[in-house]
Amino acid sequence: MADKKNYYDVLGVQRNATPDQIKSAYRKLAKQYHPDFHPGDAACAEKFKEINEANETLSDENKRKQYDFELDHPGMGGMGGAGGMGGMGGFEDIISSMFGGFGGFGGRQSAPTRSRGADIEQTIRLSFLDAIKGCSKDISYTRNEPCKSCSGTGAKNGTAYTTCPKCGGSGRIKYQQDTIFGRTIQVGVCTDCNGTGKKITDRCPDCKGAGYTRKQTSFTVKIPAGVDSDSSLRKRGYGQASANGGECGDLYVYFRIEPHKLLVRKDKDLFVTVPISYRTAVAGGKILVPSIDDMIELTIPAGTASGTSFSLRGKGVKTVNGTGSLFVTVEIDIPSRLSREQLKKIDEFEDTVTLKSCSNMHKFSGEVASVYGVNVEKQ
């Protein structure tokens, strides 16, 4: 393990992290470094591979125990990396080996180790409204599927195999090594049967003994309403087939959501900025604001300042945790060019409006006078 990074450091979690914390950290990093978001970036691709290796080890209870044992006892046997996990079987295997039980050394035999197939990740593009309302999408990808002819065993008809004579069907072998510190006992995967505990006598003609075939998998996935860019769907057993008849991996579906032209989403709330005329801001009035499905009428009170926000409850995104709000921010649309006649009319209008009638300017004038001794109202 000297040439590998600490898997806990890779995921950015503590040694005592819970399975949920590990899962959360993995999903965040997998989304950040996913190759689909960084096409042609070799560094991101390598980082993504490293993250998957760390997750495959730490998310499996048995693999994590073995990994923790080797962290505490360096030099007691190598980890085979994610997916392989060769070398020692962990502390329980060493204790068991002291009393026999592996590879024909006597005692009870342990069940052969069957590695789990790798997970597959797919990214689906969704429109802004599809993500909010929910939809159905067709998904298609190529994966290693368990061979139906041999039920994933690699043996013809699923029966043409015998018990491995080297490990006695346990799938593991006990090794002894003499060092300057004494004799150490390690338990590793049987190299003759690759941990299956079986020797194939006649290979399956369809998969050539691999136990799986390369096939196109297609189905329709139902996407629930309210999914966001940090959401994912998990379909059990739709990942890669195991190389030795173990459980298939899972399929994780992530979403890349296209932005809306007007609305901005934050969790279950929606935000929109709407321009209003100077007259509407001063005198008040009704305006139409965009929402998920249509336009909503909003009443603007007289004397509304630019940048004022209004909250429309229940007009946000509907999720399993409730429905959010629609926040509308108004900005006064000030004309960029005016004619001389228009400017003259504005001057005439300002002459009819006293400073004291404008509350913000009156307050500002008083503060200026107290600090600088200048009476703005007389200028």
Protein backbone atom coordinates (compact mmCIF):
# COMPACT_ATOMS: atom_id res chain seq x y z
CA MET A 1 0.00 0.00 0.00
CA ALA A 2 2.99 2.28 0.09
CA ASP A 3 2.37 3.38 -3.50
CA LYS A 4 -1.32 4.14 -2.94
CA LYS A 5 -2.91 7.15 -1.33
CA ASN A 6 -4.87 6.72 1.86
CA TYR A 7 -8.45 6.02 0.76
CA TYR A 8 -9.87 8.07 3.64
CA ASP A 9 -7.80 11.06 2.49
CA VAL A 10 -8.94 10.52 -1.11
CA LEU A 11 -12.61 10.87 -0.08
CA GLY A 12 -11.84 13.54 2.52
CA VAL A 13 -13.42 11.66 5.44
CA GLN A 14 -12.24 10.64 8.89
CA ARG A 15 -11.20 7.09 9.75
CA ASN A 16 -14.38 6.65 11.82
CA ALA A 17 -16.69 7.97 9.07
CA THR A 18 -20.11 6.32 8.85
CA PRO A 19 -21.27 4.54 5.65
CA ASP A 20 -23.61 7.47 4.93
CA GLN A 21 -20.76 9.97 5.29
CA ILE A 22 -18.60 7.91 2.92
CA LYS A 23 -21.44 7.68 0.40
CA SER A 24 -22.09 11.43 0.59
CA ALA A 25 -18.40 12.29 0.13
CA TYR A 26 -18.11 9.89 -2.81
CA ARG A 27 -21.14 11.31 -4.62
CA LYS A 28 -19.90 14.88 -4.21
CA LEU A 29 -16.42 14.06 -5.55
CA ALA A 30 -17.71 11.76 -8.31
CA LYS A 31 -19.89 14.56 -9.59
CA GLN A 32 -17.02 17.07 -9.37
CA TYR A 33 -14.50 14.94 -11.29
CA HIS A 34 -16.82 12.94 -13.57
CA PRO A 35 -15.20 12.61 -17.05
CA ASP A 36 -18.41 13.77 -18.73
CA PHE A 37 -17.88 17.20 -17.18
CA HIS A 38 -14.15 17.29 -18.05
CA PRO A 39 -13.75 15.78 -21.54
CA GLY A 40 -10.12 15.19 -22.47
CA ASP A 41 -8.82 16.05 -18.98
CA ALA A 42 -6.47 13.18 -18.07
CA ALA A 43 -5.90 14.50 -14.52
CA CYS A 44 -9.64 14.50 -13.77
CA ALA A 45 -10.00 11.03 -15.27
CA GLU A 46 -7.23 9.71 -13.01
CA LYS A 47 -8.76 11.44 -9.99
CA PHE A 48 -12.16 9.95 -10.82
CA LYS A 49 -10.61 6.47 -11.01
CA GLU A 50 -8.92 7.02 -7.64
CA ILE A 51 -12.20 8.14 -6.07
CA ASN A 52 -13.98 5.02 -7.36
CA GLU A 53 -11.23 2.77 -5.98
CA ALA A 54 -11.51 4.39 -2.57
CA ASN A 55 -15.28 4.13 -2.53
CA GLU A 56 -15.32 0.49 -3.66
CA THR A 57 -13.07 -0.40 -0.74
CA LEU A 58 -14.58 1.75 2.02
CA SER A 59 -18.23 1.17 1.09
CA ASP A 60 -17.84 -2.61 1.47
CA GLU A 61 -17.81 -3.68 5.12
CA ASN A 62 -15.47 -6.63 4.67
CA LYS A 63 -13.07 -4.80 2.36
CA ARG A 64 -12.99 -1.86 4.74
CA LYS A 65 -12.09 -4.12 7.69
CA GLN A 66 -9.27 -5.63 5.68
CA TYR A 67 -8.08 -2.19 4.59
CA ASP A 68 -8.16 -0.85 8.16
CA PHE A 69 -6.21 -3.87 9.37
CA GLU A 70 -3.46 -3.26 6.85
CA LEU A 71 -3.35 0.44 7.70
CA ASP A 72 -2.64 -0.54 11.29
CA HIS A 73 -0.25 -3.36 10.33
CA PRO A 74 1.82 -2.23 7.33
CA GLY A 75 3.88 -4.94 5.70
CA MET A 76 1.50 -7.75 6.67
CA GLY A 77 0.34 -8.32 3.08
CA GLY A 78 -0.77 -6.21 0.14
CA MET A 79 -4.17 -4.96 -0.83
CA GLY A 80 -4.99 -5.80 -4.40
CA GLY A 81 -6.58 -2.41 -5.00
CA ALA A 82 -10.19 -1.74 -5.71
CA GLY A 83 -12.06 -4.71 -7.08
CA GLY A 84 -9.23 -7.20 -6.50
CA MET A 85 -8.58 -6.91 -2.75
CA GLY A 86 -6.01 -9.67 -2.97
CA GLY A 87 -3.61 -10.54 -0.21
CA MET A 88 -4.74 -10.90 3.39
CA GLY A 89 -8.30 -11.61 4.36
CA GLY A 90 -8.09 -9.39 7.44
CA PHE A 91 -7.68 -10.04 11.14
CA GLU A 92 -10.47 -12.62 11.23
CA ASP A 93 -8.70 -14.68 8.54
CA ILE A 94 -5.40 -14.70 10.47
CA ILE A 95 -7.07 -15.84 13.69
CA SER A 96 -8.97 -18.49 11.77
CA SER A 97 -5.80 -19.68 10.02
CA MET A 98 -4.08 -20.21 13.37
CA PHE A 99 -6.64 -22.88 14.08
CA GLY A 100 -6.75 -24.25 10.56
CA GLY A 101 -9.52 -24.00 8.06
CA PHE A 102 -8.06 -22.92 4.70
CA GLY A 103 -6.74 -24.68 1.62
CA GLY A 104 -6.58 -28.21 2.92
CA PHE A 105 -4.77 -27.30 6.15
CA GLY A 106 -7.47 -28.93 8.21
CA GLY A 107 -10.46 -27.61 10.17
CA ARG A 108 -13.62 -26.05 8.80
CA GLN A 109 -13.58 -24.39 5.41
CA SER A 110 -14.65 -20.81 4.75
CA ALA A 111 -16.98 -19.94 1.90
CA PRO A 112 -15.13 -18.75 -1.22
CA THR A 113 -14.81 -15.02 -1.71
CA ARG A 114 -16.88 -13.66 -4.56
CA SER A 115 -16.03 -10.14 -5.62
CA ARG A 116 -18.81 -7.74 -6.49
CA GLY A 117 -19.02 -6.33 -10.01
CA ALA A 118 -18.04 -2.70 -10.60
CA ASP A 119 -20.64 0.06 -10.57
CA ILE A 120 -21.51 1.98 -13.74
CA GLU A 121 -22.30 5.67 -13.91
CA GLN A 122 -24.40 7.34 -16.58
CA THR A 123 -25.28 11.01 -16.99
CA ILE A 124 -28.65 12.12 -18.40
CA ARG A 125 -29.33 15.62 -19.73
CA LEU A 126 -32.58 17.14 -18.50
CA SER A 127 -34.33 20.36 -19.34
CA PHE A 128 -35.06 22.72 -16.47
CA LEU A 129 -38.78 21.87 -16.52
CA ASP A 130 -38.26 18.09 -16.90
CA ALA A 131 -36.16 18.12 -13.73
CA ILE A 132 -38.86 20.01 -11.84
CA LYS A 133 -41.90 18.13 -13.15
CA GLY A 134 -40.39 14.66 -13.58
CA CYS A 135 -40.28 12.61 -16.77
CA SER A 136 -39.25 9.31 -18.32
CA LYS A 137 -36.01 8.88 -20.26
CA ASP A 138 -34.61 6.03 -22.34
CA ILE A 139 -31.12 4.96 -21.32
CA SER A 140 -28.77 2.67 -23.22
CA TYR A 141 -25.23 1.54 -22.44
CA THR A 142 -22.91 -1.44 -22.88
CA ARG A 143 -21.97 -3.61 -19.90
CA ASN A 144 -20.76 -7.05 -18.87
CA GLU A 145 -23.94 -9.06 -18.34
CA PRO A 146 -23.97 -12.39 -16.46
CA CYS A 147 -23.95 -15.19 -19.02
CA LYS A 148 -27.39 -16.80 -19.14
CA SER A 149 -26.07 -20.08 -20.55
CA CYS A 150 -23.87 -20.81 -17.52
CA SER A 151 -25.56 -18.59 -14.88
CA GLY A 152 -22.32 -16.65 -14.52
CA THR A 153 -20.22 -19.67 -13.52
CA GLY A 154 -18.15 -19.84 -16.73
CA ALA A 155 -18.76 -23.60 -16.87
CA LYS A 156 -20.73 -25.31 -19.63
CA ASN A 157 -24.42 -25.49 -18.67
CA GLY A 158 -23.41 -24.10 -15.30
CA THR A 159 -22.37 -27.54 -14.03
CA ALA A 160 -19.07 -28.48 -15.72
CA TYR A 161 -16.78 -27.76 -12.77
CA THR A 162 -15.22 -29.51 -9.78
CA THR A 163 -13.98 -28.39 -6.39
CA CYS A 164 -10.59 -26.71 -6.64
CA PRO A 165 -8.00 -29.21 -5.28
CA LYS A 166 -5.55 -26.48 -4.23
CA CYS A 167 -7.83 -24.58 -1.83
CA GLY A 168 -10.33 -27.34 -1.16
CA GLY A 169 -13.20 -25.16 -2.34
CA SER A 170 -12.55 -22.32 0.11
CA GLY A 171 -11.22 -19.95 -2.55
CA ARG A 172 -8.32 -18.92 -0.28
CA ILE A 173 -4.88 -20.22 0.53
CA LYS A 174 -2.78 -19.82 3.68
CA TYR A 175 0.81 -18.65 3.23
CA GLN A 176 3.65 -18.64 5.76
CA GLN A 177 6.62 -16.29 5.66
CA ASP A 178 9.66 -16.20 7.93
CA THR A 179 10.95 -12.72 8.75
CA ILE A 180 13.38 -11.25 11.27
CA PHE A 181 10.38 -10.70 13.53
CA GLY A 182 9.28 -14.30 13.33
CA ARG A 183 6.85 -16.28 11.24
CA THR A 184 3.83 -14.50 9.75
CA ILE A 185 0.71 -16.15 8.37
CA GLN A 186 -1.22 -14.62 5.50
CA VAL A 187 -4.37 -15.69 3.71
CA GLY A 188 -4.77 -14.82 0.03
CA VAL A 189 -6.99 -15.61 -2.92
CA CYS A 190 -6.33 -18.97 -4.51
CA THR A 191 -4.52 -18.37 -7.79
CA ASP A 192 -5.79 -21.59 -9.36
CA CYS A 193 -9.50 -20.74 -9.11
CA ASN A 194 -9.32 -16.95 -8.56
CA GLY A 195 -11.25 -17.26 -5.34
CA THR A 196 -14.25 -19.14 -6.74
CA GLY A 197 -13.38 -22.46 -5.08
CA LYS A 198 -14.16 -24.23 -8.36
CA LYS A 199 -12.16 -25.57 -11.28
CA ILE A 200 -13.93 -25.47 -14.62
CA THR A 201 -13.67 -28.75 -16.48
CA ASP A 202 -15.52 -27.61 -19.61
CA ARG A 203 -15.83 -23.91 -20.43
CA CYS A 204 -19.12 -22.33 -21.44
CA PRO A 205 -19.04 -21.90 -25.24
CA ASP A 206 -21.01 -18.62 -25.12
CA CYS A 207 -18.83 -16.66 -22.68
CA LYS A 208 -15.61 -18.70 -23.14
CA GLY A 209 -15.44 -19.29 -19.39
CA ALA A 210 -15.59 -15.62 -18.40
CA GLY A 211 -19.01 -15.91 -16.78
CA TYR A 212 -20.30 -12.83 -18.58
CA THR A 213 -20.90 -11.46 -22.06
CA ARG A 214 -20.68 -7.92 -23.43
CA LYS A 215 -24.17 -6.70 -24.25
CA GLN A 216 -26.19 -3.57 -24.82
CA THR A 217 -28.56 -2.78 -21.95
CA SER A 218 -31.55 -0.53 -22.66
CA PHE A 219 -34.53 0.45 -20.52
CA THR A 220 -36.72 3.41 -19.57
CA VAL A 221 -35.97 5.15 -16.30
CA LYS A 222 -38.68 7.12 -14.51
CA ILE A 223 -37.24 10.34 -13.11
CA PRO A 224 -39.22 11.72 -10.15
CA ALA A 225 -40.25 15.36 -9.93
CA GLY A 226 -37.86 17.73 -8.20
CA VAL A 227 -34.50 16.13 -9.01
CA ASP A 228 -31.54 18.50 -8.93
CA SER A 229 -27.99 18.47 -10.26
CA ASP A 230 -26.77 16.78 -7.05
CA SER A 231 -29.43 14.05 -7.25
CA SER A 232 -28.83 10.53 -8.49
CA LEU A 233 -30.80 7.35 -9.07
CA ARG A 234 -29.50 3.89 -8.22
CA LYS A 235 -30.62 0.76 -10.06
CA ARG A 236 -29.40 -2.36 -8.29
CA GLY A 237 -27.77 -5.12 -10.31
CA TYR A 238 -27.47 -3.07 -13.51
CA GLY A 239 -23.72 -2.52 -13.20
CA GLN A 240 -20.90 -4.76 -14.38
CA ALA A 241 -21.11 -8.51 -13.85
CA SER A 242 -18.65 -10.04 -11.40
CA ALA A 243 -15.68 -11.92 -12.83
CA ASN A 244 -16.26 -14.91 -10.56
CA GLY A 245 -20.02 -15.27 -10.29
CA GLY A 246 -20.52 -12.71 -7.52
CA GLU A 247 -23.12 -10.00 -7.25
CA CYS A 248 -23.46 -7.51 -10.10
CA GLY A 249 -22.60 -3.89 -9.48
CA ASP A 250 -25.16 -1.10 -9.54
CA LEU A 251 -26.02 1.61 -12.04
CA TYR A 252 -25.90 5.22 -10.84
CA VAL A 253 -27.71 7.78 -12.96
CA TYR A 254 -26.64 11.42 -12.55
CA PHE A 255 -28.30 14.48 -14.04
CA ARG A 256 -26.97 17.44 -15.98
CA ILE A 257 -29.75 20.04 -15.90
CA GLU A 258 -29.97 22.80 -18.48
CA PRO A 259 -30.49 26.32 -17.13
CA HIS A 260 -33.76 28.22 -17.58
CA LYS A 261 -33.73 31.50 -19.51
CA LEU A 262 -35.40 33.42 -16.68
CA LEU A 263 -35.70 31.29 -13.54
CA VAL A 264 -32.84 30.34 -11.23
CA ARG A 265 -33.21 27.37 -8.90
CA LYS A 266 -31.67 26.94 -5.45
CA ASP A 267 -32.83 23.70 -3.83
CA LYS A 268 -36.63 23.94 -3.88
CA ASP A 269 -36.85 27.74 -4.25
CA LEU A 270 -36.99 29.68 -7.52
CA PHE A 271 -35.66 33.19 -8.14
CA VAL A 272 -36.45 35.67 -10.90
CA THR A 273 -35.63 39.34 -11.54
CA VAL A 274 -38.32 41.41 -13.28
CA PRO A 275 -37.88 44.97 -14.63
CA ILE A 276 -40.63 47.48 -13.82
CA SER A 277 -41.27 51.00 -15.05
CA TYR A 278 -40.50 54.09 -12.99
CA ARG A 279 -44.19 54.91 -12.85
CA THR A 280 -45.11 51.44 -11.52
CA ALA A 281 -42.47 51.75 -8.83
CA VAL A 282 -43.77 55.16 -7.77
CA ALA A 283 -47.53 54.75 -8.17
CA GLY A 284 -47.85 50.98 -7.82
CA GLY A 285 -49.59 48.58 -10.17
CA LYS A 286 -49.84 44.99 -11.33
CA ILE A 287 -47.16 43.09 -13.26
CA LEU A 288 -46.85 39.56 -14.68
CA VAL A 289 -43.97 37.38 -13.44
CA PRO A 290 -42.84 34.03 -14.92
CA SER A 291 -43.30 30.82 -12.91
CA ILE A 292 -42.95 27.10 -13.63
CA ASP A 293 -46.06 26.72 -15.79
CA ASP A 294 -47.31 30.20 -16.67
CA MET A 295 -47.27 33.88 -15.75
CA ILE A 296 -48.48 35.01 -12.32
CA GLU A 297 -49.96 38.41 -11.53
CA LEU A 298 -48.12 40.29 -8.77
CA THR A 299 -49.25 43.56 -7.16
CA ILE A 300 -46.50 46.15 -6.73
CA PRO A 301 -47.23 48.63 -3.93
CA ALA A 302 -46.65 52.34 -4.44
CA GLY A 303 -43.19 53.58 -3.52
CA THR A 304 -41.40 50.30 -4.26
CA ALA A 305 -37.61 50.69 -4.39
CA SER A 306 -35.43 48.99 -6.96
CA GLY A 307 -34.10 45.67 -5.61
CA THR A 308 -37.20 44.92 -3.50
CA SER A 309 -38.01 41.19 -3.28
CA PHE A 310 -41.42 39.55 -2.98
CA SER A 311 -42.01 35.97 -1.84
CA LEU A 312 -44.74 33.84 -3.41
CA ARG A 313 -45.18 30.81 -1.18
CA GLY A 314 -45.93 27.45 -2.78
CA LYS A 315 -44.85 28.62 -6.24
CA GLY A 316 -41.44 26.99 -6.10
CA VAL A 317 -40.32 23.40 -6.77
CA LYS A 318 -42.38 20.55 -5.35
CA THR A 319 -40.13 17.93 -3.70
CA VAL A 320 -40.51 15.13 -1.16
CA ASN A 321 -39.46 17.67 1.47
CA GLY A 322 -42.20 20.15 0.59
CA THR A 323 -42.76 22.91 -1.95
CA GLY A 324 -40.53 25.96 -2.15
CA SER A 325 -41.27 29.61 -2.88
CA LEU A 326 -40.84 31.89 -5.87
CA PHE A 327 -38.80 34.98 -5.00
CA VAL A 328 -39.38 37.95 -7.31
CA THR A 329 -36.90 40.84 -7.29
CA VAL A 330 -37.96 44.01 -9.11
CA GLU A 331 -35.56 46.42 -10.73
CA ILE A 332 -36.62 49.86 -11.94
CA ASP A 333 -35.97 50.12 -15.66
CA ILE A 334 -34.41 53.58 -16.12
CA PRO A 335 -34.35 54.89 -19.70
CA SER A 336 -30.82 55.26 -21.05
CA ARG A 337 -31.63 58.13 -23.43
CA LEU A 338 -34.11 61.00 -23.08
CA SER A 339 -34.93 63.91 -25.37
CA ARG A 340 -34.53 67.49 -24.26
CA GLU A 341 -38.28 67.82 -23.92
CA GLN A 342 -38.43 64.72 -21.71
CA LEU A 343 -35.58 66.00 -19.52
CA LYS A 344 -37.36 69.34 -19.18
CA LYS A 345 -40.48 67.59 -17.97
CA ILE A 346 -38.44 65.62 -15.42
CA ASP A 347 -36.96 68.86 -14.11
CA GLU A 348 -40.43 70.33 -13.82
CA PHE A 349 -41.58 67.22 -11.98
CA GLU A 350 -38.71 67.37 -9.47
CA ASP A 351 -39.49 71.04 -8.80
CA THR A 352 -42.95 69.98 -7.67
CA VAL A 353 -41.65 67.24 -5.34
CA THR A 354 -40.17 68.43 -2.05
CA LEU A 355 -37.18 66.62 -0.58
CA LYS A 356 -39.12 65.76 2.56
CA SER A 357 -41.63 63.72 0.55
CA CYS A 358 -38.81 61.35 -0.45
CA SER A 359 -38.16 59.50 2.81
CA ASN A 360 -34.81 57.94 1.86
CA MET A 361 -33.37 61.20 0.55
CA HIS A 362 -34.64 63.09 3.59
CA LYS A 363 -32.97 60.59 5.92
CA PHE A 364 -29.74 60.77 3.91
CA SER A 365 -29.81 64.60 4.03
CA GLY A 366 -30.07 64.55 7.81
CA GLU A 367 -27.12 62.15 8.16
CA VAL A 368 -24.98 64.28 5.80
CA ALA A 369 -25.78 67.39 7.81
CA SER A 370 -24.80 65.71 11.10
CA VAL A 371 -21.47 64.44 9.74
CA TYR A 372 -20.36 67.13 7.28
CA GLY A 373 -22.38 70.17 8.36
CA VAL A 374 -23.85 70.54 4.89
CA ASN A 375 -27.59 71.13 4.46
CA VAL A 376 -28.46 69.16 1.32
CA GLU A 377 -32.11 70.25 1.43
CA LYS A 378 -31.13 73.89 0.71
CA GLN A 379 -28.99 73.05 -2.32
